[in-house]
Amino acid sequence: MHLDLEALETSFDLVAPRGDELMDAFYGRLFATAPAVRPLFAHVDLKRQKTMLLGALVLLRKSLRNLDPMVPKLRELGARHVAYGATPEHYPVVGATLISSLAAIAGDAWRPEHESAWSAAFDIVAGEMLVGAAEAERVAA
């Protein structure tokens, strides 16, 4: 799958200075859109979780031009998410919420190509995480 690297980099750079605001918007929207996921965060330090997600997005931004080294890390992350209670059905909701949060923070600077680029990138990330999740479930069975 082809990624529009310029659109991904440009759009992320628009919102990066407002990372804390992005994380607040994301989790606020996620819990409003999908209240069923809230119990997955019952015993989570949400401030730390926000920092970790923002760090993961920054790492993704830095790794866009060579994603291959990220694949094992994404699969490990997917495996860990099984233990947290995440299911494959959660991924599309998370992706849509992340993209809408990016768009909201970027405001008028957000373009349709940014949305398309993030959708494609999220599909790749989620796909690798789901491979890791499936493997973890096979091993546990």
N, C-alpha and C. Protein backbone atom coordinates (compact mmCIF):
# COMPACT_ATOMS: atom_id res chain seq x y z
N MET A 1 0.84 -1.17 0.00
CA MET A 1 0.00 0.00 0.00
C MET A 1 0.89 1.24 0.00
N HIS A 2 0.55 2.19 -0.83
CA HIS A 2 1.31 3.43 -0.94
C HIS A 2 0.86 4.42 0.14
N LEU A 3 1.81 5.04 0.80
CA LEU A 3 1.49 6.08 1.77
C LEU A 3 1.88 7.43 1.21
N ASP A 4 1.03 8.40 1.42
CA ASP A 4 1.31 9.78 1.04
C ASP A 4 2.13 10.39 2.17
N LEU A 5 3.46 10.19 2.09
CA LEU A 5 4.35 10.61 3.16
C LEU A 5 4.28 12.10 3.41
N GLU A 6 4.24 12.87 2.34
CA GLU A 6 4.19 14.32 2.50
C GLU A 6 2.94 14.76 3.27
N ALA A 7 1.80 14.18 2.92
CA ALA A 7 0.55 14.54 3.61
C ALA A 7 0.60 14.11 5.08
N LEU A 8 1.15 12.94 5.36
CA LEU A 8 1.26 12.48 6.74
C LEU A 8 2.18 13.38 7.55
N GLU A 9 3.34 13.66 7.00
CA GLU A 9 4.31 14.49 7.71
C GLU A 9 3.78 15.91 7.92
N THR A 10 3.25 16.49 6.87
CA THR A 10 2.73 17.86 6.95
C THR A 10 1.60 17.96 7.97
N SER A 11 0.66 17.03 7.90
CA SER A 11 -0.48 17.09 8.81
C SER A 11 -0.06 16.84 10.25
N PHE A 12 0.86 15.91 10.47
CA PHE A 12 1.30 15.68 11.84
C PHE A 12 2.04 16.89 12.38
N ASP A 13 2.85 17.49 11.54
CA ASP A 13 3.59 18.67 11.98
C ASP A 13 2.66 19.84 12.32
N LEU A 14 1.48 19.86 11.73
CA LEU A 14 0.49 20.88 12.06
C LEU A 14 0.00 20.74 13.50
N VAL A 15 -0.19 19.52 13.94
CA VAL A 15 -0.80 19.28 15.25
C VAL A 15 0.22 18.98 16.35
N ALA A 16 1.43 18.62 15.99
CA ALA A 16 2.43 18.21 16.99
C ALA A 16 2.63 19.25 18.10
N PRO A 17 2.68 20.54 17.79
CA PRO A 17 2.86 21.51 18.88
C PRO A 17 1.69 21.53 19.86
N ARG A 18 0.59 20.94 19.49
CA ARG A 18 -0.60 20.90 20.34
C ARG A 18 -0.90 19.45 20.75
N GLY A 19 0.17 18.71 21.02
CA GLY A 19 0.04 17.29 21.32
C GLY A 19 -0.84 16.99 22.52
N ASP A 20 -0.70 17.77 23.58
CA ASP A 20 -1.53 17.52 24.77
C ASP A 20 -3.01 17.74 24.44
N GLU A 21 -3.27 18.77 23.69
CA GLU A 21 -4.64 19.06 23.26
C GLU A 21 -5.18 17.94 22.37
N LEU A 22 -4.33 17.42 21.49
CA LEU A 22 -4.72 16.31 20.62
C LEU A 22 -5.10 15.09 21.46
N MET A 23 -4.29 14.77 22.45
CA MET A 23 -4.58 13.60 23.28
C MET A 23 -5.86 13.79 24.08
N ASP A 24 -6.07 14.99 24.61
CA ASP A 24 -7.32 15.26 25.33
C ASP A 24 -8.52 15.11 24.40
N ALA A 25 -8.39 15.65 23.19
CA ALA A 25 -9.48 15.56 22.22
C ALA A 25 -9.73 14.09 21.85
N PHE A 26 -8.66 13.35 21.61
CA PHE A 26 -8.81 11.95 21.21
C PHE A 26 -9.53 11.14 22.28
N TYR A 27 -9.04 11.18 23.51
CA TYR A 27 -9.67 10.35 24.54
C TYR A 27 -11.06 10.84 24.89
N GLY A 28 -11.29 12.14 24.87
CA GLY A 28 -12.64 12.65 25.09
C GLY A 28 -13.61 12.15 24.04
N ARG A 29 -13.18 12.21 22.78
CA ARG A 29 -14.01 11.73 21.68
C ARG A 29 -14.19 10.22 21.74
N LEU A 30 -13.12 9.50 22.06
CA LEU A 30 -13.20 8.04 22.11
C LEU A 30 -14.22 7.59 23.15
N PHE A 31 -14.16 8.18 24.35
CA PHE A 31 -15.08 7.77 25.41
C PHE A 31 -16.51 8.21 25.11
N ALA A 32 -16.68 9.31 24.38
CA ALA A 32 -18.02 9.75 24.01
C ALA A 32 -18.59 8.89 22.88
N THR A 33 -17.74 8.55 21.92
CA THR A 33 -18.18 7.77 20.75
C THR A 33 -18.37 6.31 21.07
N ALA A 34 -17.48 5.78 21.89
CA ALA A 34 -17.49 4.34 22.20
C ALA A 34 -17.37 4.14 23.71
N PRO A 35 -18.42 4.46 24.46
CA PRO A 35 -18.33 4.34 25.92
C PRO A 35 -18.01 2.92 26.39
N ALA A 36 -18.24 1.95 25.54
CA ALA A 36 -17.94 0.56 25.92
C ALA A 36 -16.45 0.33 26.12
N VAL A 37 -15.58 1.20 25.57
CA VAL A 37 -14.14 1.01 25.76
C VAL A 37 -13.65 1.59 27.08
N ARG A 38 -14.46 2.43 27.71
CA ARG A 38 -14.01 3.08 28.95
C ARG A 38 -13.52 2.08 30.01
N PRO A 39 -14.21 0.94 30.20
CA PRO A 39 -13.72 -0.03 31.19
C PRO A 39 -12.30 -0.55 30.89
N LEU A 40 -11.87 -0.51 29.64
CA LEU A 40 -10.52 -0.95 29.32
C LEU A 40 -9.48 -0.03 29.94
N PHE A 41 -9.90 1.16 30.32
CA PHE A 41 -8.99 2.16 30.90
C PHE A 41 -9.23 2.36 32.39
N ALA A 42 -10.02 1.47 33.01
CA ALA A 42 -10.40 1.64 34.41
C ALA A 42 -9.20 1.70 35.36
N HIS A 43 -8.18 0.94 35.06
CA HIS A 43 -7.01 0.88 35.96
C HIS A 43 -5.77 1.46 35.29
N VAL A 44 -6.00 2.40 34.38
CA VAL A 44 -4.91 3.00 33.61
C VAL A 44 -4.71 4.43 34.06
N ASP A 45 -3.46 4.81 34.23
CA ASP A 45 -3.12 6.21 34.48
C ASP A 45 -3.29 6.93 33.15
N LEU A 46 -4.40 7.64 32.99
CA LEU A 46 -4.74 8.23 31.69
C LEU A 46 -3.70 9.27 31.26
N LYS A 47 -3.14 9.98 32.20
CA LYS A 47 -2.10 10.96 31.83
C LYS A 47 -0.90 10.23 31.21
N ARG A 48 -0.50 9.14 31.82
CA ARG A 48 0.61 8.34 31.28
C ARG A 48 0.23 7.73 29.93
N GLN A 49 -1.00 7.26 29.82
CA GLN A 49 -1.48 6.68 28.57
C GLN A 49 -1.43 7.70 27.44
N LYS A 50 -1.85 8.93 27.73
CA LYS A 50 -1.82 9.99 26.73
C LYS A 50 -0.38 10.25 26.28
N THR A 51 0.53 10.27 27.24
CA THR A 51 1.94 10.48 26.91
C THR A 51 2.48 9.36 26.03
N MET A 52 2.09 8.13 26.34
CA MET A 52 2.56 6.98 25.56
C MET A 52 2.00 7.02 24.14
N LEU A 53 0.72 7.34 23.99
CA LEU A 53 0.13 7.40 22.65
C LEU A 53 0.76 8.51 21.84
N LEU A 54 0.95 9.67 22.44
CA LEU A 54 1.58 10.77 21.72
C LEU A 54 3.00 10.38 21.32
N GLY A 55 3.72 9.71 22.21
CA GLY A 55 5.07 9.23 21.89
C GLY A 55 5.06 8.25 20.73
N ALA A 56 4.06 7.38 20.70
CA ALA A 56 3.94 6.41 19.61
C ALA A 56 3.68 7.12 18.28
N LEU A 57 2.85 8.16 18.32
CA LEU A 57 2.58 8.93 17.09
C LEU A 57 3.82 9.66 16.61
N VAL A 58 4.59 10.21 17.54
CA VAL A 58 5.84 10.88 17.18
C VAL A 58 6.80 9.87 16.57
N LEU A 59 6.92 8.70 17.17
CA LEU A 59 7.79 7.65 16.62
C LEU A 59 7.33 7.23 15.22
N LEU A 60 6.03 7.09 15.05
CA LEU A 60 5.50 6.76 13.73
C LEU A 60 5.87 7.84 12.73
N ARG A 61 5.71 9.09 13.12
CA ARG A 61 6.06 10.21 12.23
C ARG A 61 7.53 10.14 11.81
N LYS A 62 8.39 9.81 12.75
CA LYS A 62 9.83 9.73 12.47
C LYS A 62 10.19 8.50 11.63
N SER A 63 9.31 7.49 11.65
CA SER A 63 9.60 6.21 11.00
C SER A 63 8.88 6.02 9.67
N LEU A 64 8.12 7.00 9.24
CA LEU A 64 7.28 6.85 8.05
C LEU A 64 8.05 6.41 6.81
N ARG A 65 9.25 6.89 6.66
CA ARG A 65 10.00 6.60 5.44
C ARG A 65 10.64 5.22 5.45
N ASN A 66 10.57 4.55 6.60
CA ASN A 66 11.05 3.16 6.68
C ASN A 66 10.30 2.46 7.81
N LEU A 67 9.14 1.95 7.48
CA LEU A 67 8.28 1.34 8.49
C LEU A 67 8.69 -0.09 8.87
N ASP A 68 9.52 -0.72 8.06
CA ASP A 68 9.85 -2.13 8.31
C ASP A 68 10.35 -2.39 9.74
N PRO A 69 11.25 -1.55 10.29
CA PRO A 69 11.68 -1.82 11.66
C PRO A 69 10.57 -1.67 12.70
N MET A 70 9.49 -1.01 12.34
CA MET A 70 8.37 -0.81 13.27
C MET A 70 7.46 -2.04 13.35
N VAL A 71 7.49 -2.90 12.34
CA VAL A 71 6.55 -4.02 12.28
C VAL A 71 6.62 -4.90 13.53
N PRO A 72 7.79 -5.35 13.98
CA PRO A 72 7.79 -6.18 15.20
C PRO A 72 7.24 -5.44 16.42
N LYS A 73 7.53 -4.16 16.53
CA LYS A 73 7.02 -3.37 17.66
C LYS A 73 5.50 -3.24 17.59
N LEU A 74 4.97 -3.06 16.40
CA LEU A 74 3.52 -2.97 16.24
C LEU A 74 2.85 -4.29 16.58
N ARG A 75 3.46 -5.38 16.19
CA ARG A 75 2.90 -6.69 16.52
C ARG A 75 2.95 -6.96 18.02
N GLU A 76 4.03 -6.55 18.67
CA GLU A 76 4.12 -6.68 20.13
C GLU A 76 3.05 -5.83 20.80
N LEU A 77 2.84 -4.64 20.28
CA LEU A 77 1.82 -3.75 20.82
C LEU A 77 0.44 -4.38 20.68
N GLY A 78 0.17 -4.96 19.54
CA GLY A 78 -1.11 -5.64 19.32
C GLY A 78 -1.30 -6.79 20.29
N ALA A 79 -0.24 -7.55 20.53
CA ALA A 79 -0.31 -8.66 21.48
C ALA A 79 -0.61 -8.14 22.88
N ARG A 80 0.02 -7.04 23.28
CA ARG A 80 -0.24 -6.46 24.61
C ARG A 80 -1.69 -5.98 24.71
N HIS A 81 -2.22 -5.46 23.62
CA HIS A 81 -3.59 -4.95 23.65
C HIS A 81 -4.62 -6.06 23.87
N VAL A 82 -4.31 -7.29 23.50
CA VAL A 82 -5.20 -8.41 23.79
C VAL A 82 -5.36 -8.53 25.30
N ALA A 83 -4.26 -8.44 26.02
CA ALA A 83 -4.31 -8.54 27.48
C ALA A 83 -5.10 -7.38 28.10
N TYR A 84 -5.15 -6.26 27.43
CA TYR A 84 -5.90 -5.10 27.94
C TYR A 84 -7.40 -5.23 27.67
N GLY A 85 -7.75 -6.20 26.81
CA GLY A 85 -9.16 -6.40 26.48
C GLY A 85 -9.58 -5.83 25.14
N ALA A 86 -8.61 -5.32 24.38
CA ALA A 86 -8.94 -4.78 23.06
C ALA A 86 -9.31 -5.91 22.11
N THR A 87 -10.29 -5.63 21.27
CA THR A 87 -10.74 -6.61 20.27
C THR A 87 -10.60 -5.98 18.88
N PRO A 88 -10.64 -6.80 17.84
CA PRO A 88 -10.54 -6.25 16.49
C PRO A 88 -11.59 -5.18 16.19
N GLU A 89 -12.75 -5.27 16.81
CA GLU A 89 -13.81 -4.30 16.57
C GLU A 89 -13.46 -2.91 17.09
N HIS A 90 -12.53 -2.82 18.03
CA HIS A 90 -12.13 -1.52 18.58
C HIS A 90 -11.28 -0.71 17.61
N TYR A 91 -10.54 -1.39 16.77
CA TYR A 91 -9.56 -0.70 15.92
C TYR A 91 -10.18 0.33 14.98
N PRO A 92 -11.25 0.01 14.26
CA PRO A 92 -11.83 1.04 13.37
C PRO A 92 -12.32 2.27 14.13
N VAL A 93 -12.88 2.06 15.31
CA VAL A 93 -13.37 3.18 16.12
C VAL A 93 -12.20 4.05 16.56
N VAL A 94 -11.13 3.42 17.00
CA VAL A 94 -9.94 4.16 17.41
C VAL A 94 -9.37 4.95 16.23
N GLY A 95 -9.29 4.30 15.08
CA GLY A 95 -8.75 4.99 13.90
C GLY A 95 -9.58 6.19 13.50
N ALA A 96 -10.88 6.01 13.43
CA ALA A 96 -11.76 7.12 13.05
C ALA A 96 -11.69 8.25 14.07
N THR A 97 -11.61 7.89 15.34
CA THR A 97 -11.54 8.90 16.39
C THR A 97 -10.21 9.64 16.34
N LEU A 98 -9.14 8.93 16.10
CA LEU A 98 -7.84 9.58 15.99
C LEU A 98 -7.83 10.56 14.82
N ILE A 99 -8.32 10.12 13.68
CA ILE A 99 -8.31 10.98 12.49
C ILE A 99 -9.21 12.20 12.69
N SER A 100 -10.37 12.01 13.29
CA SER A 100 -11.24 13.17 13.52
C SER A 100 -10.63 14.12 14.54
N SER A 101 -9.88 13.59 15.49
CA SER A 101 -9.21 14.44 16.48
C SER A 101 -8.08 15.22 15.83
N LEU A 102 -7.32 14.57 14.97
CA LEU A 102 -6.26 15.28 14.22
C LEU A 102 -6.86 16.42 13.42
N ALA A 103 -7.97 16.13 12.74
CA ALA A 103 -8.63 17.14 11.91
C ALA A 103 -9.12 18.31 12.76
N ALA A 104 -9.70 18.00 13.90
CA ALA A 104 -10.21 19.06 14.77
C ALA A 104 -9.10 19.98 15.26
N ILE A 105 -7.98 19.40 15.63
CA ILE A 105 -6.85 20.20 16.13
C ILE A 105 -6.22 20.99 14.99
N ALA A 106 -6.12 20.41 13.81
CA ALA A 106 -5.53 21.11 12.67
C ALA A 106 -6.44 22.23 12.16
N GLY A 107 -7.73 22.08 12.35
CA GLY A 107 -8.67 23.12 11.95
C GLY A 107 -8.70 23.33 10.45
N ASP A 108 -8.70 24.59 10.03
CA ASP A 108 -8.81 24.93 8.61
C ASP A 108 -7.63 24.45 7.78
N ALA A 109 -6.53 24.10 8.43
CA ALA A 109 -5.35 23.63 7.69
C ALA A 109 -5.50 22.17 7.26
N TRP A 110 -6.48 21.46 7.81
CA TRP A 110 -6.70 20.05 7.48
C TRP A 110 -7.25 19.92 6.07
N ARG A 111 -6.70 19.01 5.30
CA ARG A 111 -7.08 18.82 3.91
C ARG A 111 -7.58 17.39 3.68
N PRO A 112 -8.37 17.17 2.63
CA PRO A 112 -8.84 15.81 2.34
C PRO A 112 -7.70 14.81 2.17
N GLU A 113 -6.58 15.26 1.60
CA GLU A 113 -5.45 14.34 1.43
C GLU A 113 -4.85 13.92 2.77
N HIS A 114 -4.98 14.76 3.79
CA HIS A 114 -4.50 14.39 5.12
C HIS A 114 -5.35 13.23 5.66
N GLU A 115 -6.66 13.38 5.50
CA GLU A 115 -7.57 12.33 5.95
C GLU A 115 -7.28 11.00 5.26
N SER A 116 -7.11 11.04 3.96
CA SER A 116 -6.82 9.82 3.19
C SER A 116 -5.50 9.20 3.62
N ALA A 117 -4.50 10.05 3.81
CA ALA A 117 -3.17 9.56 4.20
C ALA A 117 -3.21 8.90 5.58
N TRP A 118 -3.91 9.53 6.52
CA TRP A 118 -3.99 8.96 7.86
C TRP A 118 -4.81 7.67 7.87
N SER A 119 -5.83 7.62 7.06
CA SER A 119 -6.63 6.40 6.97
C SER A 119 -5.77 5.23 6.47
N ALA A 120 -4.98 5.48 5.44
CA ALA A 120 -4.09 4.44 4.90
C ALA A 120 -3.03 4.04 5.92
N ALA A 121 -2.46 5.02 6.60
CA ALA A 121 -1.43 4.72 7.60
C ALA A 121 -2.03 3.93 8.77
N PHE A 122 -3.22 4.33 9.20
CA PHE A 122 -3.84 3.62 10.31
C PHE A 122 -4.15 2.18 9.91
N ASP A 123 -4.58 1.98 8.68
CA ASP A 123 -4.85 0.61 8.22
C ASP A 123 -3.61 -0.27 8.32
N ILE A 124 -2.45 0.29 7.98
CA ILE A 124 -1.20 -0.46 8.08
C ILE A 124 -0.86 -0.75 9.53
N VAL A 125 -0.91 0.26 10.37
CA VAL A 125 -0.58 0.10 11.78
C VAL A 125 -1.53 -0.90 12.43
N ALA A 126 -2.82 -0.71 12.24
CA ALA A 126 -3.80 -1.61 12.84
C ALA A 126 -3.65 -3.03 12.30
N GLY A 127 -3.36 -3.14 11.02
CA GLY A 127 -3.17 -4.47 10.43
C GLY A 127 -2.04 -5.24 11.10
N GLU A 128 -0.93 -4.56 11.33
CA GLU A 128 0.20 -5.23 12.00
C GLU A 128 -0.11 -5.53 13.46
N MET A 129 -0.80 -4.61 14.12
CA MET A 129 -1.19 -4.86 15.50
C MET A 129 -2.13 -6.06 15.59
N LEU A 130 -3.03 -6.17 14.63
CA LEU A 130 -3.97 -7.29 14.64
C LEU A 130 -3.27 -8.62 14.36
N VAL A 131 -2.21 -8.60 13.55
CA VAL A 131 -1.41 -9.81 13.35
C VAL A 131 -0.81 -10.25 14.68
N GLY A 132 -0.26 -9.30 15.42
CA GLY A 132 0.31 -9.60 16.73
C GLY A 132 -0.75 -10.08 17.72
N ALA A 133 -1.92 -9.46 17.66
CA ALA A 133 -3.01 -9.86 18.55
C ALA A 133 -3.45 -11.28 18.25
N ALA A 134 -3.60 -11.61 16.98
CA ALA A 134 -4.02 -12.96 16.60
C ALA A 134 -2.99 -14.00 17.04
N GLU A 135 -1.72 -13.67 16.88
CA GLU A 135 -0.65 -14.59 17.30
C GLU A 135 -0.70 -14.80 18.82
N ALA A 136 -0.90 -13.73 19.58
CA ALA A 136 -0.98 -13.83 21.03
C ALA A 136 -2.17 -14.71 21.45
N GLU A 137 -3.28 -14.58 20.74
CA GLU A 137 -4.44 -15.39 21.06
C GLU A 137 -4.20 -16.86 20.72
N ARG A 138 -3.48 -17.12 19.62
CA ARG A 138 -3.15 -18.51 19.26
C ARG A 138 -2.26 -19.14 20.31
N VAL A 139 -1.28 -18.39 20.76
CA VAL A 139 -0.34 -18.91 21.76
C VAL A 139 -1.07 -19.18 23.07
N ALA A 140 -2.00 -18.29 23.43
CA ALA A 140 -2.72 -18.44 24.69
C ALA A 140 -3.74 -19.58 24.66
N ALA A 141 -4.16 -19.95 23.47
CA ALA A 141 -5.22 -20.99 23.36
C ALA A 141 -4.69 -22.39 23.61
